[in-house]
C-alpha atoms as a PDB file:
ATOM      1  CA  VAL A   1      86.795 101.720  91.785  1.00  0.00           C
ATOM      2  CA  GLN A   2      84.265 100.081  94.080  1.00  0.00           C
ATOM      3  CA  LEU A   3      85.543  97.422  96.459  1.00  0.00           C
ATOM      4  CA  GLN A   4      83.599  94.654  98.201  1.00  0.00           C
ATOM      5  CA  ALA A   5      85.364  92.684 100.919  1.00  0.00           C
ATOM      6  CA  SER A   6      84.208  89.289 102.144  1.00  0.00           C
ATOM      7  CA  GLY A   7      85.416  86.188 103.926  1.00  0.00           C
ATOM      8  CA  GLY A   8      85.559  87.293 107.529  1.00  0.00           C
ATOM      9  CA  GLY A   9      84.212  85.239 110.394  1.00  0.00           C
ATOM     10  CA  LEU A  10      84.729  83.766 113.835  1.00  0.00           C
ATOM     11  CA  VAL A  11      87.606  81.302 114.129  1.00  0.00           C
ATOM     12  CA  GLN A  12      89.801  79.826 116.823  1.00  0.00           C
ATOM     13  CA  ALA A  13      93.443  80.652 117.399  1.00  0.00           C
ATOM     14  CA  GLY A  14      95.622  78.752 114.960  1.00  0.00           C
ATOM     15  CA  ASP A  15      92.954  78.585 112.267  1.00  0.00           C
ATOM     16  CA  SER A  16      93.133  80.092 108.780  1.00  0.00           C
ATOM     17  CA  LEU A  17      90.860  82.407 106.824  1.00  0.00           C
ATOM     18  CA  ARG A  18      91.002  83.838 103.351  1.00  0.00           C
ATOM     19  CA  LEU A  19      89.608  87.277 102.718  1.00  0.00           C
ATOM     20  CA  SER A  20      88.568  88.395  99.265  1.00  0.00           C
ATOM     21  CA  CYS A  21      88.090  91.858  97.861  1.00  0.00           C
ATOM     22  CA  ALA A  22      86.303  92.178  94.541  1.00  0.00           C
ATOM     23  CA  GLY A  23      86.800  95.368  92.615  1.00  0.00           C
ATOM     24  CA  SER A  24      84.712  96.899  89.888  1.00  0.00           C
ATOM     25  CA  GLY A  25      85.957  98.786  86.896  1.00  0.00           C
ATOM     26  CA  ARG A  26      88.473  98.146  84.164  1.00  0.00           C
ATOM     27  CA  THR A  27      91.199 100.093  85.990  1.00  0.00           C
ATOM     28  CA  PHE A  28      91.611  97.590  88.849  1.00  0.00           C
ATOM     29  CA  SER A  29      94.958  96.342  87.529  1.00  0.00           C
ATOM     30  CA  SER A  30      96.367  99.880  87.555  1.00  0.00           C
ATOM     31  CA  TYR A  31      96.093 100.151  91.339  1.00  0.00           C
ATOM     32  CA  ASN A  32      98.305  98.962  94.103  1.00  0.00           C
ATOM     33  CA  MET A  33      96.042  97.013  96.469  1.00  0.00           C
ATOM     34  CA  ALA A  34      96.247  96.751 100.225  1.00  0.00           C
ATOM     35  CA  TRP A  35      94.602  95.372 103.318  1.00  0.00           C
ATOM     36  CA  PHE A  36      94.254  97.372 106.492  1.00  0.00           C
ATOM     37  CA  ARG A  37      92.669  96.476 109.808  1.00  0.00           C
ATOM     38  CA  GLN A  38      91.203  98.300 112.754  1.00  0.00           C
ATOM     39  CA  ALA A  39      90.850  96.696 116.141  1.00  0.00           C
ATOM     40  CA  PRO A  40      88.476  98.090 118.788  1.00  0.00           C
ATOM     41  CA  GLY A  41      89.928 101.207 120.358  1.00  0.00           C
ATOM     42  CA  LYS A  42      92.889 101.285 117.979  1.00  0.00           C
ATOM     43  CA  GLU A  43      93.778 103.179 114.848  1.00  0.00           C
ATOM     44  CA  ARG A  44      93.526 101.606 111.428  1.00  0.00           C
ATOM     45  CA  GLU A  45      96.824  99.976 110.466  1.00  0.00           C
ATOM     46  CA  PHE A  46      98.428  98.682 107.289  1.00  0.00           C
ATOM     47  CA  VAL A  47      98.527  94.882 107.084  1.00  0.00           C
ATOM     48  CA  ALA A  48      99.705  93.957 103.585  1.00  0.00           C
ATOM     49  CA  GLY A  49     100.050  95.422 100.121  1.00  0.00           C
ATOM     50  CA  ILE A  50     100.619  94.169  96.603  1.00  0.00           C
ATOM     51  CA  SER A  51     101.757  96.497  93.873  1.00  0.00           C
ATOM     52  CA  ARG A  52     100.634  96.672  90.259  1.00  0.00           C
ATOM     53  CA  THR A  53     103.688  94.618  89.324  1.00  0.00           C
ATOM     54  CA  TYR A  54     103.095  92.107  92.136  1.00  0.00           C
ATOM     55  CA  PRO A  55     105.818  92.803  94.773  1.00  0.00           C
ATOM     56  CA  THR A  56     104.312  92.364  98.203  1.00  0.00           C
ATOM     57  CA  TYR A  57     104.753  94.138 101.522  1.00  0.00           C
ATOM     58  CA  TYR A  58     103.714  93.146 105.032  1.00  0.00           C
ATOM     59  CA  ALA A  59     103.464  94.583 108.490  1.00  0.00           C
ATOM     60  CA  ASP A  60     105.957  92.959 110.838  1.00  0.00           C
ATOM     61  CA  SER A  61     103.117  91.590 112.947  1.00  0.00           C
ATOM     62  CA  VAL A  62     101.829  89.380 110.119  1.00  0.00           C
ATOM     63  CA  LYS A  63     104.993  88.460 108.195  1.00  0.00           C
ATOM     64  CA  GLY A  64     105.197  84.740 107.585  1.00  0.00           C
ATOM     65  CA  ARG A  65     101.534  84.220 108.519  1.00  0.00           C
ATOM     66  CA  PHE A  66      99.571  86.380 106.054  1.00  0.00           C
ATOM     67  CA  PHE A  67      99.930  86.338 102.294  1.00  0.00           C
ATOM     68  CA  ILE A  68      98.438  88.808  99.834  1.00  0.00           C
ATOM     69  CA  SER A  69      97.772  87.997  96.202  1.00  0.00           C
ATOM     70  CA  ARG A  70      95.776  89.393  93.327  1.00  0.00           C
ATOM     71  CA  ASP A  71      94.012  88.103  90.240  1.00  0.00           C
ATOM     72  CA  ASN A  72      93.610  90.926  87.767  1.00  0.00           C
ATOM     73  CA  THR A  73      91.498  88.772  85.459  1.00  0.00           C
ATOM     74  CA  GLU A  74      88.938  88.538  88.271  1.00  0.00           C
ATOM     75  CA  ASN A  75      89.554  92.053  89.664  1.00  0.00           C
ATOM     76  CA  THR A  76      90.122  90.446  93.058  1.00  0.00           C
ATOM     77  CA  VAL A  77      92.719  90.717  95.792  1.00  0.00           C
ATOM     78  CA  TYR A  78      93.067  88.077  98.491  1.00  0.00           C
ATOM     79  CA  LEU A  79      94.498  87.914 101.971  1.00  0.00           C
ATOM     80  CA  GLN A  80      95.347  84.421 103.158  1.00  0.00           C
ATOM     81  CA  MET A  81      95.622  84.503 106.942  1.00  0.00           C
ATOM     82  CA  ASN A  82      97.245  81.545 108.680  1.00  0.00           C
ATOM     83  CA  SER A  83      98.055  80.814 112.315  1.00  0.00           C
ATOM     84  CA  LEU A  84      95.559  83.398 113.430  1.00  0.00           C
ATOM     85  CA  LYS A  85      95.929  84.925 116.876  1.00  0.00           C
ATOM     86  CA  PRO A  86      93.432  86.717 119.111  1.00  0.00           C
ATOM     87  CA  GLY A  87      95.437  89.880 118.411  1.00  0.00           C
ATOM     88  CA  ASP A  88      94.410  89.627 114.751  1.00  0.00           C
ATOM     89  CA  THR A  89      90.807  90.354 115.717  1.00  0.00           C
ATOM     90  CA  ALA A  90      89.727  93.442 113.808  1.00  0.00           C
ATOM     91  CA  ILE A  91      87.671  94.760 110.963  1.00  0.00           C
ATOM     92  CA  TYR A  92      89.666  94.212 107.790  1.00  0.00           C
ATOM     93  CA  TYR A  93      89.424  96.701 104.933  1.00  0.00           C
ATOM     94  CA  CYS A  94      90.735  96.431 101.421  1.00  0.00           C
ATOM     95  CA  ALA A  95      91.938  99.523  99.659  1.00  0.00           C
ATOM     96  CA  ALA A  96      93.052 100.676  96.239  1.00  0.00           C
ATOM     97  CA  VAL A  97      96.146 102.872  96.210  1.00  0.00           C
ATOM     98  CA  GLY A  98      96.750 104.967  93.131  1.00  0.00           C
ATOM     99  CA  GLY A  99      99.922 106.640  94.360  1.00  0.00           C
ATOM    100  CA  SER A 100     103.090 105.423  96.004  1.00  0.00           C
ATOM    101  CA  ARG A 101     102.047 105.762  99.660  1.00  0.00           C
ATOM    102  CA  TRP A 102     100.233 102.785 101.146  1.00  0.00           C
ATOM    103  CA  GLN A 103      98.846 105.043 103.858  1.00  0.00           C
ATOM    104  CA  SER A 104      96.909 107.152 101.345  1.00  0.00           C
ATOM    105  CA  PRO A 105      94.431 104.913  99.549  1.00  0.00           C
ATOM    106  CA  ASP A 106      92.112 106.339  96.954  1.00  0.00           C
ATOM    107  CA  TYR A 107      89.288 103.888  97.588  1.00  0.00           C
ATOM    108  CA  TRP A 108      88.158 101.765 100.527  1.00  0.00           C
ATOM    109  CA  GLY A 109      86.022  98.669 100.773  1.00  0.00           C
ATOM    110  CA  GLN A 110      83.348  98.359 103.437  1.00  0.00           C
ATOM    111  CA  GLY A 111      85.241  96.066 105.822  1.00  0.00           C
ATOM    112  CA  THR A 112      84.794  92.503 106.984  1.00  0.00           C
ATOM    113  CA  GLN A 113      84.952  91.383 110.611  1.00  0.00           C
ATOM    114  CA  VAL A 114      87.543  88.828 111.696  1.00  0.00           C
ATOM    115  CA  THR A 115      87.269  87.500 115.241  1.00  0.00           C
ATOM    116  CA  VAL A 116      89.827  85.063 116.633  1.00  0.00           C
ATOM    117  CA  SER A 117      88.977  83.342 119.887  1.00  0.00           C
ATOM    118  CA  SER A 118      91.611  81.912 122.208  1.00  0.00           C
END
Protein backbone atom coordinates (compact mmCIF):
# COMPACT_ATOMS: atom_id res chain seq x y z
CA VAL A 1 0.00 0.00 0.00
CA GLN A 2 1.34 3.42 -0.94
CA LEU A 3 -0.01 6.40 0.97
CA GLN A 4 -0.03 10.07 -0.05
CA ALA A 5 -0.99 12.63 2.57
CA SER A 6 -2.12 16.15 1.75
CA GLY A 7 -4.03 19.09 3.18
CA GLY A 8 -1.57 20.58 5.61
CA GLY A 9 -0.86 24.28 5.86
CA LEU A 10 -0.46 27.36 8.02
CA VAL A 11 -3.55 28.36 10.00
CA GLN A 12 -4.41 30.43 13.04
CA ALA A 13 -5.49 29.08 16.39
CA GLY A 14 -9.15 28.15 16.32
CA ASP A 15 -9.18 27.38 12.60
CA SER A 16 -9.94 24.03 10.97
CA LEU A 17 -8.10 21.87 8.46
CA ARG A 18 -8.90 18.60 6.80
CA LEU A 19 -6.09 16.23 5.97
CA SER A 20 -6.47 13.56 3.32
CA CYS A 21 -4.51 10.39 2.76
CA ALA A 22 -4.97 8.59 -0.54
CA GLY A 23 -3.98 4.97 -0.69
CA SER A 24 -3.16 2.81 -3.65
CA GLY A 25 -3.98 -0.82 -4.08
CA ARG A 26 -7.10 -2.92 -3.83
CA THR A 27 -6.31 -3.97 -0.25
CA PHE A 28 -6.85 -0.52 1.30
CA SER A 29 -10.14 -1.54 2.92
CA SER A 30 -8.43 -4.45 4.70
CA TYR A 31 -6.24 -2.12 6.76
CA ASN A 32 -6.87 -0.21 9.91
CA MET A 33 -5.85 3.38 9.16
CA ALA A 34 -4.30 5.91 11.48
CA TRP A 35 -2.86 9.38 11.75
CA PHE A 36 0.27 10.13 13.72
CA ARG A 37 2.12 13.38 14.26
CA GLN A 38 5.61 14.46 15.17
CA ALA A 39 6.35 17.87 16.59
CA PRO A 40 9.87 19.34 16.54
CA GLY A 41 12.03 17.71 19.19
CA LYS A 42 9.34 15.20 20.13
CA GLU A 43 8.64 11.59 19.34
CA ARG A 44 6.01 10.57 16.84
CA GLU A 45 2.66 10.05 18.56
CA PHE A 46 -0.65 8.41 17.71
CA VAL A 47 -3.43 10.90 16.97
CA ALA A 48 -6.41 8.93 15.66
CA GLY A 49 -7.28 5.58 14.17
CA ILE A 50 -10.18 4.01 12.31
CA SER A 51 -10.52 0.28 12.03
CA ARG A 52 -11.58 -1.81 9.06
CA THR A 53 -15.08 -1.94 10.53
CA TYR A 54 -15.11 1.81 11.25
CA PRO A 55 -14.78 2.16 15.07
CA THR A 56 -12.60 5.14 15.82
CA TYR A 57 -9.98 5.89 18.45
CA TYR A 58 -8.39 9.17 19.52
CA ALA A 59 -5.56 10.46 21.62
CA ASP A 60 -6.85 12.32 24.66
CA SER A 61 -5.25 15.52 23.42
CA VAL A 62 -7.49 15.66 20.33
CA LYS A 63 -10.75 14.07 21.52
CA GLY A 64 -13.72 16.21 20.63
CA ARG A 65 -11.68 18.33 18.20
CA PHE A 66 -10.36 15.86 15.60
CA PHE A 67 -12.43 13.36 13.66
CA ILE A 68 -11.14 10.52 11.50
CA SER A 69 -13.13 8.97 8.69
CA ARG A 70 -12.52 6.78 5.69
CA ASP A 71 -13.99 6.25 2.24
CA ASN A 72 -13.05 2.82 0.99
CA THR A 73 -14.55 3.51 -2.43
CA GLU A 74 -11.97 6.28 -2.83
CA ASN A 75 -9.18 4.53 -0.87
CA THR A 76 -8.93 7.65 1.27
CA VAL A 77 -8.77 8.40 4.98
CA TYR A 78 -9.45 11.87 6.35
CA LEU A 79 -8.61 13.76 9.49
CA GLN A 80 -10.89 16.70 10.21
CA MET A 81 -9.12 18.98 12.67
CA ASN A 82 -11.17 21.66 14.42
CA SER A 83 -10.32 24.24 17.06
CA LEU A 84 -6.66 23.94 16.23
CA LYS A 85 -4.11 24.97 18.83
CA PRO A 86 -0.45 25.94 18.52
CA GLY A 87 0.33 22.65 20.27
CA ASP A 88 -1.10 20.80 17.26
CA THR A 89 1.79 22.04 15.13
CA ALA A 90 3.55 19.00 13.73
CA ILE A 91 4.16 16.90 10.68
CA TYR A 92 1.16 14.62 10.28
CA TYR A 93 1.60 11.12 8.87
CA CYS A 94 -1.01 8.64 7.79
CA ALA A 95 -0.38 4.97 8.27
CA ALA A 96 -1.85 1.62 7.35
CA VAL A 97 -1.99 -0.91 10.18
CA GLY A 98 -2.38 -4.54 9.23
CA GLY A 99 -2.30 -5.92 12.76
CA SER A 100 -4.01 -5.01 15.99
CA ARG A 101 -1.43 -2.58 17.39
CA TRP A 102 -1.79 1.03 16.28
CA GLN A 103 1.84 1.63 17.21
CA SER A 104 3.08 -0.85 14.59
CA PRO A 105 1.97 0.35 11.17
CA ASP A 106 2.91 -1.59 8.08
CA TYR A 107 3.03 1.42 5.78
CA TRP A 108 3.60 5.15 6.23
CA GLY A 109 2.72 8.15 4.11
CA GLN A 110 5.24 10.92 3.52
CA GLY A 111 3.82 13.45 5.99
CA THR A 112 2.17 16.83 5.66
CA GLN A 113 3.09 19.89 7.71
CA VAL A 114 0.49 21.56 9.91
CA THR A 115 1.46 24.85 11.54
CA VAL A 116 -0.90 26.64 13.92
CA SER A 117 -0.04 30.20 14.84
CA SER A 118 -1.28 31.86 18.02
